[in-house]
Amino acid sequence: MSRSTFSVLFYVNRGKEKNGVVPVMGRITINGTQCQFSCKHSIPQAMWDVKGNCAKGRIKEALQ
């Protein structure tokens, strides 16, 4: 029986930045096969925590 791997990563697509707002994207990887999707949310680029892969702050956009 082989072990399977599974990971979920959230990131912002800086290439689609408009007026300082960037879309939040997601990536699921299972056994090396990737699937990317849009989370249908956008946040100000300054609110994105690169190390934590999440929005920082306590305002409405960050909590969603």
C-alpha atoms as a PDB file:
ATOM      1  CA  MET A   1       0.000   0.000   0.000  1.00  0.00           C
ATOM      2  CA  SER A   2       1.526   3.334  -1.037  1.00  0.00           C
ATOM      3  CA  ARG A   3       1.097   6.593   0.813  1.00  0.00           C
ATOM      4  CA  SER A   4      -0.770   9.445  -0.818  1.00  0.00           C
ATOM      5  CA  THR A   5       0.095  13.098  -0.438  1.00  0.00           C
ATOM      6  CA  PHE A   6      -2.370  15.952  -0.171  1.00  0.00           C
ATOM      7  CA  SER A   7      -1.783  19.690   0.189  1.00  0.00           C
ATOM      8  CA  VAL A   8      -3.808  22.892  -0.106  1.00  0.00           C
ATOM      9  CA  LEU A   9      -2.213  26.265  -0.864  1.00  0.00           C
ATOM     10  CA  PHE A  10      -3.790  29.712  -1.119  1.00  0.00           C
ATOM     11  CA  TYR A  11      -2.059  32.548  -2.963  1.00  0.00           C
ATOM     12  CA  VAL A  12      -2.767  35.830  -4.730  1.00  0.00           C
ATOM     13  CA  ASN A  13      -2.437  36.293  -8.484  1.00  0.00           C
ATOM     14  CA  ARG A  14      -0.297  39.438  -8.665  1.00  0.00           C
ATOM     15  CA  GLY A  15      -0.468  39.382 -12.461  1.00  0.00           C
ATOM     16  CA  LYS A  16      -4.159  40.328 -12.335  1.00  0.00           C
ATOM     17  CA  GLU A  17      -3.749  43.236  -9.900  1.00  0.00           C
ATOM     18  CA  LYS A  18      -6.100  46.184 -10.481  1.00  0.00           C
ATOM     19  CA  ASN A  19      -5.905  49.329  -8.350  1.00  0.00           C
ATOM     20  CA  GLY A  20      -3.959  47.499  -5.617  1.00  0.00           C
ATOM     21  CA  VAL A  21      -6.549  44.662  -5.356  1.00  0.00           C
ATOM     22  CA  VAL A  22      -5.601  41.078  -6.256  1.00  0.00           C
ATOM     23  CA  PRO A  23      -7.706  37.895  -6.627  1.00  0.00           C
ATOM     24  CA  VAL A  24      -7.229  35.029  -4.149  1.00  0.00           C
ATOM     25  CA  MET A  25      -6.464  31.691  -5.804  1.00  0.00           C
ATOM     26  CA  GLY A  26      -6.214  28.129  -4.480  1.00  0.00           C
ATOM     27  CA  ARG A  27      -4.225  25.061  -5.438  1.00  0.00           C
ATOM     28  CA  ILE A  28      -4.874  21.467  -4.360  1.00  0.00           C
ATOM     29  CA  THR A  29      -2.148  18.881  -4.952  1.00  0.00           C
ATOM     30  CA  ILE A  30      -2.820  15.140  -4.655  1.00  0.00           C
ATOM     31  CA  ASN A  31       0.049  12.751  -5.393  1.00  0.00           C
ATOM     32  CA  GLY A  32       1.804  15.417  -7.469  1.00  0.00           C
ATOM     33  CA  THR A  33      -1.266  16.257  -9.593  1.00  0.00           C
ATOM     34  CA  GLN A  34      -2.283  19.913  -9.274  1.00  0.00           C
ATOM     35  CA  CYS A  35      -5.645  21.610  -9.662  1.00  0.00           C
ATOM     36  CA  GLN A  36      -5.908  25.421  -9.483  1.00  0.00           C
ATOM     37  CA  PHE A  37      -9.062  27.425  -8.878  1.00  0.00           C
ATOM     38  CA  SER A  38     -10.288  30.926  -8.121  1.00  0.00           C
ATOM     39  CA  CYS A  39     -11.749  31.555  -4.661  1.00  0.00           C
ATOM     40  CA  LYS A  40     -13.977  34.339  -6.100  1.00  0.00           C
ATOM     41  CA  HIS A  41     -12.565  36.805  -3.549  1.00  0.00           C
ATOM     42  CA  SER A  42     -10.252  39.786  -3.977  1.00  0.00           C
ATOM     43  CA  ILE A  43      -8.271  41.628  -1.313  1.00  0.00           C
ATOM     44  CA  PRO A  44      -5.861  44.579  -1.197  1.00  0.00           C
ATOM     45  CA  GLN A  45      -2.365  43.330  -2.027  1.00  0.00           C
ATOM     46  CA  ALA A  46      -0.926  44.865   1.164  1.00  0.00           C
ATOM     47  CA  MET A  47      -3.163  42.599   3.279  1.00  0.00           C
ATOM     48  CA  TRP A  48      -1.707  39.316   1.969  1.00  0.00           C
ATOM     49  CA  ASP A  49       0.684  37.429   4.283  1.00  0.00           C
ATOM     50  CA  VAL A  50       3.057  35.519   1.980  1.00  0.00           C
ATOM     51  CA  LYS A  51       4.515  33.277   4.708  1.00  0.00           C
ATOM     52  CA  GLY A  52       1.136  32.372   6.178  1.00  0.00           C
ATOM     53  CA  ASN A  53      -0.658  32.053   2.813  1.00  0.00           C
ATOM     54  CA  CYS A  54      -3.607  34.011   4.180  1.00  0.00           C
ATOM     55  CA  ALA A  55      -4.959  37.529   4.599  1.00  0.00           C
ATOM     56  CA  LYS A  56      -3.743  39.454   7.624  1.00  0.00           C
ATOM     57  CA  GLY A  57      -5.835  41.799   9.723  1.00  0.00           C
ATOM     58  CA  ARG A  58      -9.257  41.776  11.340  1.00  0.00           C
ATOM     59  CA  ILE A  59     -11.321  43.666   8.764  1.00  0.00           C
ATOM     60  CA  LYS A  60     -14.215  42.040   6.875  1.00  0.00           C
ATOM     61  CA  GLU A  61     -12.228  41.140   3.743  1.00  0.00           C
ATOM     62  CA  ALA A  62      -9.491  39.400   5.755  1.00  0.00           C
ATOM     63  CA  LEU A  63     -11.936  37.355   7.815  1.00  0.00           C
ATOM     64  CA  GLN A  64     -13.821  36.097   4.759  1.00  0.00           C
END
